[in-house]
Amino acid sequence: ARMPFFKEDTSVVAHKPDWERCRDWLQDKKVTPMSAKFPSLGEMKSEQELHYYLKDGTELCRVIGLVTMGTVLEGITYRTNNVSTLEEKNIRLFITYVEKELKIKDVFDKQKEKIFRKYIDFHLVLDGLSKVSKKLETKLGVKGFE
């Protein structure tokens, strides 16, 4: 028998996954003014693509510098060629800067710059970027994401 009084909760369905909320935040022109990276944020269809997009640290360093001081962070290694030590150098630059400028300690938890090594830890990247987005809400006039 059907229970007519039972209403299905549709709020959950309307809720975008974390990675999409993160992508949408990054995609805002005030957050990422322009990017030459491919595929672009707007073309992303999966969390894996976002992981890959952020993994070398170049976009993270570019974006955080631009939104906080209007210029790209110094010391970014652009041609990392999937070399994890170079990628992690960029991630370390991002983490250090976020701690210094936004006062967010361990933005990527205890994994620090090794956060992208295991895809299973990507939720910690999203959590960290959520904190960054909240911290920058007022400055950018862009709503952060949970």
N, C-alpha and C. Protein backbone atom coordinates (compact mmCIF):
# COMPACT_ATOMS: atom_id res chain seq x y z
N ALA A 1 0.84 -1.20 0.00
CA ALA A 1 0.00 0.00 0.00
C ALA A 1 0.87 1.24 0.00
N ARG A 2 0.43 2.25 -0.76
CA ARG A 2 1.20 3.49 -0.78
C ARG A 2 0.78 4.37 0.39
N MET A 3 1.73 5.09 0.89
CA MET A 3 1.42 6.00 1.99
C MET A 3 1.31 7.41 1.45
N PRO A 4 0.11 7.90 1.32
CA PRO A 4 -0.08 9.21 0.69
C PRO A 4 0.54 10.37 1.48
N PHE A 5 0.68 10.18 2.77
CA PHE A 5 1.24 11.28 3.57
C PHE A 5 2.75 11.39 3.43
N PHE A 6 3.38 10.35 2.86
CA PHE A 6 4.84 10.39 2.75
C PHE A 6 5.24 11.22 1.54
N LYS A 7 5.92 12.32 1.80
CA LYS A 7 6.35 13.19 0.70
C LYS A 7 7.82 12.94 0.44
N GLU A 8 8.14 12.76 -0.81
CA GLU A 8 9.53 12.51 -1.16
C GLU A 8 10.35 13.78 -0.95
N ASP A 9 11.53 13.64 -0.41
CA ASP A 9 12.38 14.81 -0.19
C ASP A 9 13.13 15.13 -1.48
N THR A 10 12.72 16.21 -2.12
CA THR A 10 13.33 16.57 -3.40
C THR A 10 14.51 17.53 -3.22
N SER A 11 14.67 18.07 -2.01
CA SER A 11 15.75 19.04 -1.80
C SER A 11 17.12 18.39 -2.06
N VAL A 12 17.23 17.12 -1.76
CA VAL A 12 18.49 16.41 -1.94
C VAL A 12 18.83 16.31 -3.43
N VAL A 13 17.82 16.04 -4.22
CA VAL A 13 18.00 15.88 -5.66
C VAL A 13 18.52 17.18 -6.28
N ALA A 14 17.98 18.29 -5.82
CA ALA A 14 18.35 19.59 -6.39
C ALA A 14 19.75 20.02 -5.98
N HIS A 15 20.29 19.34 -5.00
CA HIS A 15 21.59 19.70 -4.45
C HIS A 15 22.72 19.24 -5.37
N LYS A 16 23.51 20.18 -5.84
CA LYS A 16 24.62 19.79 -6.72
C LYS A 16 25.72 19.09 -5.93
N PRO A 17 26.42 18.17 -6.57
CA PRO A 17 27.57 17.55 -5.89
C PRO A 17 28.66 18.61 -5.58
N ASP A 18 29.45 18.32 -4.57
CA ASP A 18 30.50 19.27 -4.14
C ASP A 18 31.37 19.74 -5.28
N TRP A 19 31.82 18.81 -6.11
CA TRP A 19 32.76 19.19 -7.16
C TRP A 19 32.13 20.20 -8.12
N GLU A 20 30.81 20.05 -8.36
CA GLU A 20 30.15 21.00 -9.26
C GLU A 20 30.04 22.37 -8.61
N ARG A 21 29.77 22.38 -7.30
CA ARG A 21 29.69 23.68 -6.61
C ARG A 21 31.05 24.35 -6.61
N CYS A 22 32.11 23.55 -6.45
CA CYS A 22 33.47 24.08 -6.49
C CYS A 22 33.77 24.62 -7.90
N ARG A 23 33.43 23.82 -8.91
CA ARG A 23 33.66 24.25 -10.29
C ARG A 23 32.91 25.55 -10.60
N ASP A 24 31.66 25.62 -10.16
CA ASP A 24 30.86 26.82 -10.43
C ASP A 24 31.48 28.05 -9.76
N TRP A 25 31.99 27.86 -8.55
CA TRP A 25 32.64 28.97 -7.85
C TRP A 25 33.90 29.40 -8.62
N LEU A 26 34.73 28.43 -8.98
CA LEU A 26 35.95 28.74 -9.72
C LEU A 26 35.64 29.41 -11.06
N GLN A 27 34.52 29.01 -11.64
CA GLN A 27 34.16 29.49 -12.96
C GLN A 27 33.70 30.94 -12.95
N ASP A 28 33.32 31.46 -11.77
CA ASP A 28 32.89 32.84 -11.70
C ASP A 28 34.01 33.75 -12.19
N LYS A 29 33.67 34.71 -13.04
CA LYS A 29 34.69 35.60 -13.64
C LYS A 29 35.49 36.36 -12.59
N LYS A 30 34.89 36.58 -11.42
CA LYS A 30 35.63 37.31 -10.37
C LYS A 30 36.64 36.41 -9.70
N VAL A 31 36.46 35.09 -9.83
CA VAL A 31 37.38 34.14 -9.21
C VAL A 31 38.46 33.73 -10.22
N THR A 32 38.05 33.30 -11.39
CA THR A 32 38.99 32.96 -12.45
C THR A 32 38.70 33.86 -13.64
N PRO A 33 39.41 34.99 -13.73
CA PRO A 33 39.13 35.95 -14.80
C PRO A 33 39.25 35.33 -16.19
N MET A 34 40.31 34.58 -16.40
CA MET A 34 40.43 33.88 -17.68
C MET A 34 41.45 32.79 -17.49
N SER A 35 41.25 31.73 -18.21
CA SER A 35 42.19 30.63 -18.08
C SER A 35 42.40 30.00 -19.43
N ALA A 36 43.64 29.64 -19.67
CA ALA A 36 43.99 29.00 -20.93
C ALA A 36 43.92 27.49 -20.81
N LYS A 37 43.58 27.03 -19.61
CA LYS A 37 43.59 25.58 -19.40
C LYS A 37 42.48 24.88 -20.15
N PHE A 38 42.77 23.66 -20.53
CA PHE A 38 41.82 22.88 -21.30
C PHE A 38 41.67 21.51 -20.65
N PRO A 39 40.50 20.92 -20.54
CA PRO A 39 39.22 21.55 -20.88
C PRO A 39 38.90 22.68 -19.90
N SER A 40 38.14 23.64 -20.37
CA SER A 40 37.81 24.76 -19.50
C SER A 40 36.84 24.29 -18.41
N LEU A 41 36.71 25.08 -17.37
CA LEU A 41 35.83 24.73 -16.26
C LEU A 41 34.41 24.47 -16.75
N GLY A 42 33.95 25.28 -17.69
CA GLY A 42 32.59 25.13 -18.20
C GLY A 42 32.35 23.83 -18.95
N GLU A 43 33.41 23.23 -19.44
CA GLU A 43 33.26 22.00 -20.23
C GLU A 43 33.36 20.74 -19.37
N MET A 44 33.65 20.91 -18.09
CA MET A 44 33.86 19.74 -17.25
C MET A 44 32.60 18.96 -16.97
N LYS A 45 32.72 17.66 -17.11
CA LYS A 45 31.56 16.79 -16.91
C LYS A 45 31.75 15.87 -15.70
N SER A 46 32.94 15.85 -15.13
CA SER A 46 33.13 14.91 -14.02
C SER A 46 34.10 15.45 -12.99
N GLU A 47 34.00 14.86 -11.82
CA GLU A 47 34.88 15.23 -10.71
C GLU A 47 36.33 14.92 -11.08
N GLN A 48 36.55 13.82 -11.84
CA GLN A 48 37.91 13.47 -12.25
C GLN A 48 38.55 14.59 -13.06
N GLU A 49 37.75 15.20 -13.92
CA GLU A 49 38.28 16.29 -14.75
C GLU A 49 38.70 17.48 -13.89
N LEU A 50 37.90 17.78 -12.87
CA LEU A 50 38.25 18.89 -11.98
C LEU A 50 39.52 18.55 -11.20
N HIS A 51 39.60 17.32 -10.74
CA HIS A 51 40.79 16.85 -10.03
C HIS A 51 42.03 17.05 -10.91
N TYR A 52 41.93 16.63 -12.15
CA TYR A 52 43.06 16.74 -13.08
C TYR A 52 43.40 18.21 -13.36
N TYR A 53 42.37 19.02 -13.46
CA TYR A 53 42.52 20.45 -13.76
C TYR A 53 43.29 21.16 -12.64
N LEU A 54 43.02 20.76 -11.40
CA LEU A 54 43.63 21.44 -10.25
C LEU A 54 44.94 20.81 -9.80
N LYS A 55 45.17 19.57 -10.21
CA LYS A 55 46.24 18.75 -9.65
C LYS A 55 47.66 19.33 -9.79
N ASP A 56 47.94 20.05 -10.88
CA ASP A 56 49.31 20.56 -11.03
C ASP A 56 49.54 21.87 -10.28
N GLY A 57 48.48 22.39 -9.66
CA GLY A 57 48.63 23.57 -8.81
C GLY A 57 48.71 24.90 -9.53
N THR A 58 48.86 24.90 -10.85
CA THR A 58 49.04 26.19 -11.55
C THR A 58 47.80 27.07 -11.41
N GLU A 59 46.63 26.49 -11.61
CA GLU A 59 45.40 27.29 -11.51
C GLU A 59 45.17 27.76 -10.09
N LEU A 60 45.43 26.90 -9.11
CA LEU A 60 45.25 27.29 -7.72
C LEU A 60 46.12 28.50 -7.39
N CYS A 61 47.38 28.45 -7.82
CA CYS A 61 48.30 29.56 -7.54
C CYS A 61 47.90 30.82 -8.29
N ARG A 62 47.46 30.64 -9.52
CA ARG A 62 47.08 31.79 -10.34
C ARG A 62 45.86 32.48 -9.72
N VAL A 63 44.85 31.67 -9.45
CA VAL A 63 43.60 32.21 -8.94
C VAL A 63 43.78 32.88 -7.58
N ILE A 64 44.48 32.23 -6.66
CA ILE A 64 44.62 32.80 -5.31
C ILE A 64 45.39 34.12 -5.34
N GLY A 65 46.39 34.19 -6.21
CA GLY A 65 47.13 35.44 -6.34
C GLY A 65 46.26 36.55 -6.92
N LEU A 66 45.56 36.23 -7.99
CA LEU A 66 44.70 37.22 -8.64
C LEU A 66 43.60 37.73 -7.72
N VAL A 67 42.95 36.84 -6.99
CA VAL A 67 41.83 37.29 -6.16
C VAL A 67 42.28 38.02 -4.90
N THR A 68 43.49 37.76 -4.44
CA THR A 68 43.91 38.43 -3.21
C THR A 68 44.75 39.68 -3.46
N MET A 69 45.60 39.65 -4.50
CA MET A 69 46.45 40.84 -4.71
C MET A 69 46.48 41.32 -6.15
N GLY A 70 45.61 40.73 -6.97
CA GLY A 70 45.50 41.21 -8.34
C GLY A 70 46.64 40.79 -9.26
N THR A 71 47.47 39.89 -8.78
CA THR A 71 48.56 39.42 -9.61
C THR A 71 48.83 37.95 -9.31
N VAL A 72 49.37 37.26 -10.30
CA VAL A 72 49.64 35.83 -10.16
C VAL A 72 50.78 35.61 -9.16
N LEU A 73 50.71 34.55 -8.37
CA LEU A 73 51.77 34.25 -7.41
C LEU A 73 53.10 34.06 -8.13
N GLU A 74 54.15 34.54 -7.50
CA GLU A 74 55.49 34.33 -8.06
C GLU A 74 55.97 32.94 -7.73
N GLY A 75 56.71 32.35 -8.66
CA GLY A 75 57.31 31.05 -8.38
C GLY A 75 56.51 29.86 -8.85
N ILE A 76 55.47 30.10 -9.67
CA ILE A 76 54.69 28.98 -10.19
C ILE A 76 55.51 28.25 -11.26
N THR A 77 55.50 26.93 -11.19
CA THR A 77 56.10 26.12 -12.25
C THR A 77 54.99 25.75 -13.21
N TYR A 78 55.02 26.33 -14.42
CA TYR A 78 53.92 26.09 -15.36
C TYR A 78 54.02 24.77 -16.11
N ARG A 79 55.22 24.39 -16.46
CA ARG A 79 55.36 23.14 -17.22
C ARG A 79 55.74 22.01 -16.29
N THR A 80 54.74 21.47 -15.64
CA THR A 80 55.03 20.40 -14.67
C THR A 80 55.11 19.03 -15.35
N ASN A 81 54.56 18.92 -16.56
CA ASN A 81 54.58 17.65 -17.31
C ASN A 81 54.22 16.43 -16.47
N ASN A 82 53.24 16.60 -15.61
CA ASN A 82 52.80 15.50 -14.74
C ASN A 82 53.88 14.99 -13.79
N VAL A 83 54.88 15.79 -13.56
CA VAL A 83 55.93 15.40 -12.59
C VAL A 83 55.44 15.82 -11.21
N SER A 84 55.19 14.82 -10.35
CA SER A 84 54.55 15.15 -9.08
C SER A 84 55.36 16.10 -8.20
N THR A 85 56.69 16.03 -8.25
CA THR A 85 57.47 16.95 -7.40
C THR A 85 57.25 18.40 -7.82
N LEU A 86 57.11 18.65 -9.12
CA LEU A 86 56.86 20.01 -9.61
C LEU A 86 55.44 20.44 -9.29
N GLU A 87 54.50 19.52 -9.46
CA GLU A 87 53.11 19.84 -9.13
C GLU A 87 52.99 20.16 -7.65
N GLU A 88 53.66 19.36 -6.84
CA GLU A 88 53.56 19.54 -5.39
C GLU A 88 54.26 20.80 -4.91
N LYS A 89 55.24 21.25 -5.68
CA LYS A 89 55.88 22.52 -5.36
C LYS A 89 54.84 23.65 -5.52
N ASN A 90 54.05 23.57 -6.57
CA ASN A 90 52.98 24.56 -6.78
C ASN A 90 51.93 24.48 -5.68
N ILE A 91 51.53 23.27 -5.33
CA ILE A 91 50.52 23.09 -4.29
C ILE A 91 51.05 23.65 -2.96
N ARG A 92 52.33 23.41 -2.69
CA ARG A 92 52.94 23.94 -1.46
C ARG A 92 52.91 25.48 -1.45
N LEU A 93 53.18 26.06 -2.61
CA LEU A 93 53.13 27.51 -2.76
C LEU A 93 51.72 28.03 -2.42
N PHE A 94 50.73 27.34 -2.93
CA PHE A 94 49.33 27.70 -2.67
C PHE A 94 49.01 27.59 -1.18
N ILE A 95 49.37 26.46 -0.57
CA ILE A 95 49.07 26.22 0.84
C ILE A 95 49.73 27.29 1.73
N THR A 96 50.99 27.57 1.46
CA THR A 96 51.73 28.56 2.24
C THR A 96 51.09 29.94 2.12
N TYR A 97 50.73 30.29 0.91
CA TYR A 97 50.13 31.59 0.65
C TYR A 97 48.77 31.72 1.35
N VAL A 98 47.96 30.67 1.25
CA VAL A 98 46.63 30.67 1.88
C VAL A 98 46.75 30.82 3.40
N GLU A 99 47.76 30.15 3.95
CA GLU A 99 47.97 30.24 5.40
C GLU A 99 48.38 31.66 5.78
N LYS A 100 49.28 32.23 5.01
CA LYS A 100 49.79 33.57 5.31
C LYS A 100 48.74 34.65 5.07
N GLU A 101 48.12 34.63 3.90
CA GLU A 101 47.20 35.70 3.52
C GLU A 101 45.78 35.54 4.05
N LEU A 102 45.27 34.32 4.06
CA LEU A 102 43.89 34.11 4.48
C LEU A 102 43.78 33.52 5.88
N LYS A 103 44.93 33.23 6.47
CA LYS A 103 44.98 32.67 7.82
C LYS A 103 44.23 31.34 7.93
N ILE A 104 44.30 30.53 6.86
CA ILE A 104 43.69 29.20 6.92
C ILE A 104 44.84 28.21 7.04
N LYS A 105 44.91 27.56 8.20
CA LYS A 105 45.99 26.62 8.43
C LYS A 105 45.62 25.24 7.85
N ASP A 106 46.61 24.57 7.27
CA ASP A 106 46.39 23.23 6.69
C ASP A 106 45.15 23.18 5.81
N VAL A 107 45.11 24.04 4.82
CA VAL A 107 43.93 24.13 3.94
C VAL A 107 43.60 22.78 3.30
N PHE A 108 44.62 21.95 3.05
CA PHE A 108 44.38 20.62 2.50
C PHE A 108 44.66 19.53 3.53
N ASP A 109 44.35 19.87 4.79
CA ASP A 109 44.45 18.91 5.87
C ASP A 109 45.91 18.48 6.07
N LYS A 110 46.08 17.32 6.66
CA LYS A 110 47.44 16.85 6.98
C LYS A 110 48.19 16.33 5.75
N GLN A 111 47.46 16.14 4.65
CA GLN A 111 48.12 15.63 3.44
C GLN A 111 49.01 16.70 2.80
N LYS A 112 48.72 17.95 3.14
CA LYS A 112 49.46 19.08 2.58
C LYS A 112 49.58 18.97 1.05
N GLU A 113 50.81 19.18 0.53
CA GLU A 113 50.94 19.21 -0.94
C GLU A 113 50.78 17.85 -1.62
N LYS A 114 50.72 16.79 -0.82
CA LYS A 114 50.56 15.45 -1.41
C LYS A 114 49.08 15.10 -1.62
N ILE A 115 48.22 16.07 -1.37
CA ILE A 115 46.78 15.86 -1.41
C ILE A 115 46.26 15.28 -2.72
N PHE A 116 46.91 15.59 -3.84
CA PHE A 116 46.40 15.12 -5.12
C PHE A 116 46.90 13.73 -5.51
N ARG A 117 47.76 13.16 -4.68
CA ARG A 117 48.31 11.84 -5.02
C ARG A 117 47.25 10.77 -5.11
N LYS A 118 46.30 10.82 -4.18
CA LYS A 118 45.23 9.82 -4.17
C LYS A 118 43.91 10.50 -4.45
N TYR A 119 43.26 10.04 -5.50
CA TYR A 119 41.97 10.63 -5.89
C TYR A 119 40.95 10.55 -4.77
N ILE A 120 41.09 9.53 -3.95
CA ILE A 120 40.14 9.33 -2.84
C ILE A 120 40.17 10.51 -1.85
N ASP A 121 41.28 11.26 -1.83
CA ASP A 121 41.40 12.41 -0.92
C ASP A 121 40.88 13.72 -1.51
N PHE A 122 40.33 13.65 -2.72
CA PHE A 122 39.93 14.89 -3.39
C PHE A 122 38.89 15.69 -2.61
N HIS A 123 38.07 14.98 -1.82
CA HIS A 123 37.07 15.70 -1.01
C HIS A 123 37.74 16.70 -0.07
N LEU A 124 38.98 16.40 0.35
CA LEU A 124 39.71 17.33 1.24
C LEU A 124 40.13 18.59 0.49
N VAL A 125 40.39 18.44 -0.80
CA VAL A 125 40.70 19.61 -1.63
C VAL A 125 39.44 20.48 -1.71
N LEU A 126 38.31 19.83 -1.96
CA LEU A 126 37.05 20.57 -2.05
C LEU A 126 36.71 21.26 -0.73
N ASP A 127 36.95 20.57 0.39
CA ASP A 127 36.73 21.19 1.71
C ASP A 127 37.60 22.43 1.88
N GLY A 128 38.87 22.28 1.50
CA GLY A 128 39.81 23.40 1.63
C GLY A 128 39.41 24.58 0.77
N LEU A 129 39.03 24.29 -0.46
CA LEU A 129 38.63 25.38 -1.37
C LEU A 129 37.32 26.02 -0.91
N SER A 130 36.48 25.22 -0.24
CA SER A 130 35.26 25.77 0.33
C SER A 130 35.62 26.82 1.39
N LYS A 131 36.60 26.50 2.24
CA LYS A 131 37.05 27.46 3.26
C LYS A 131 37.59 28.73 2.61
N VAL A 132 38.37 28.55 1.56
CA VAL A 132 38.93 29.69 0.83
C VAL A 132 37.78 30.53 0.25
N SER A 133 36.80 29.86 -0.35
CA SER A 133 35.69 30.58 -0.98
C SER A 133 34.91 31.40 0.05
N LYS A 134 34.74 30.83 1.26
CA LYS A 134 34.03 31.55 2.32
C LYS A 134 34.82 32.77 2.78
N LYS A 135 36.12 32.58 2.92
CA LYS A 135 37.01 33.64 3.39
C LYS A 135 37.01 34.82 2.41
N LEU A 136 36.83 34.53 1.12
CA LEU A 136 36.91 35.56 0.09
C LEU A 136 35.55 36.15 -0.30
N GLU A 137 34.48 35.62 0.31
CA GLU A 137 33.13 36.06 -0.06
C GLU A 137 32.96 37.57 -0.12
N THR A 138 33.30 38.22 0.98
CA THR A 138 33.11 39.65 1.08
C THR A 138 33.99 40.40 0.09
N LYS A 139 35.25 40.02 0.03
CA LYS A 139 36.21 40.69 -0.84
C LYS A 139 35.79 40.61 -2.30
N LEU A 140 35.35 39.44 -2.72
CA LEU A 140 35.03 39.22 -4.14
C LEU A 140 33.58 39.52 -4.49
N GLY A 141 32.70 39.47 -3.49
CA GLY A 141 31.28 39.61 -3.77
C GLY A 141 30.76 38.37 -4.50
N VAL A 142 31.42 37.26 -4.26
CA VAL A 142 30.98 35.99 -4.86
C VAL A 142 30.68 35.04 -3.71
N LYS A 143 29.50 34.47 -3.72
CA LYS A 143 29.13 33.58 -2.62
C LYS A 143 30.02 32.34 -2.61
N GLY A 144 30.52 32.00 -1.43
CA GLY A 144 31.34 30.81 -1.28
C GLY A 144 30.48 29.57 -1.43
N PHE A 145 31.10 28.42 -1.41
CA PHE A 145 30.30 27.19 -1.51
C PHE A 145 30.59 26.31 -0.30
N GLU A 146 29.59 25.51 0.06
CA GLU A 146 29.72 24.61 1.22
C GLU A 146 30.37 23.31 0.77
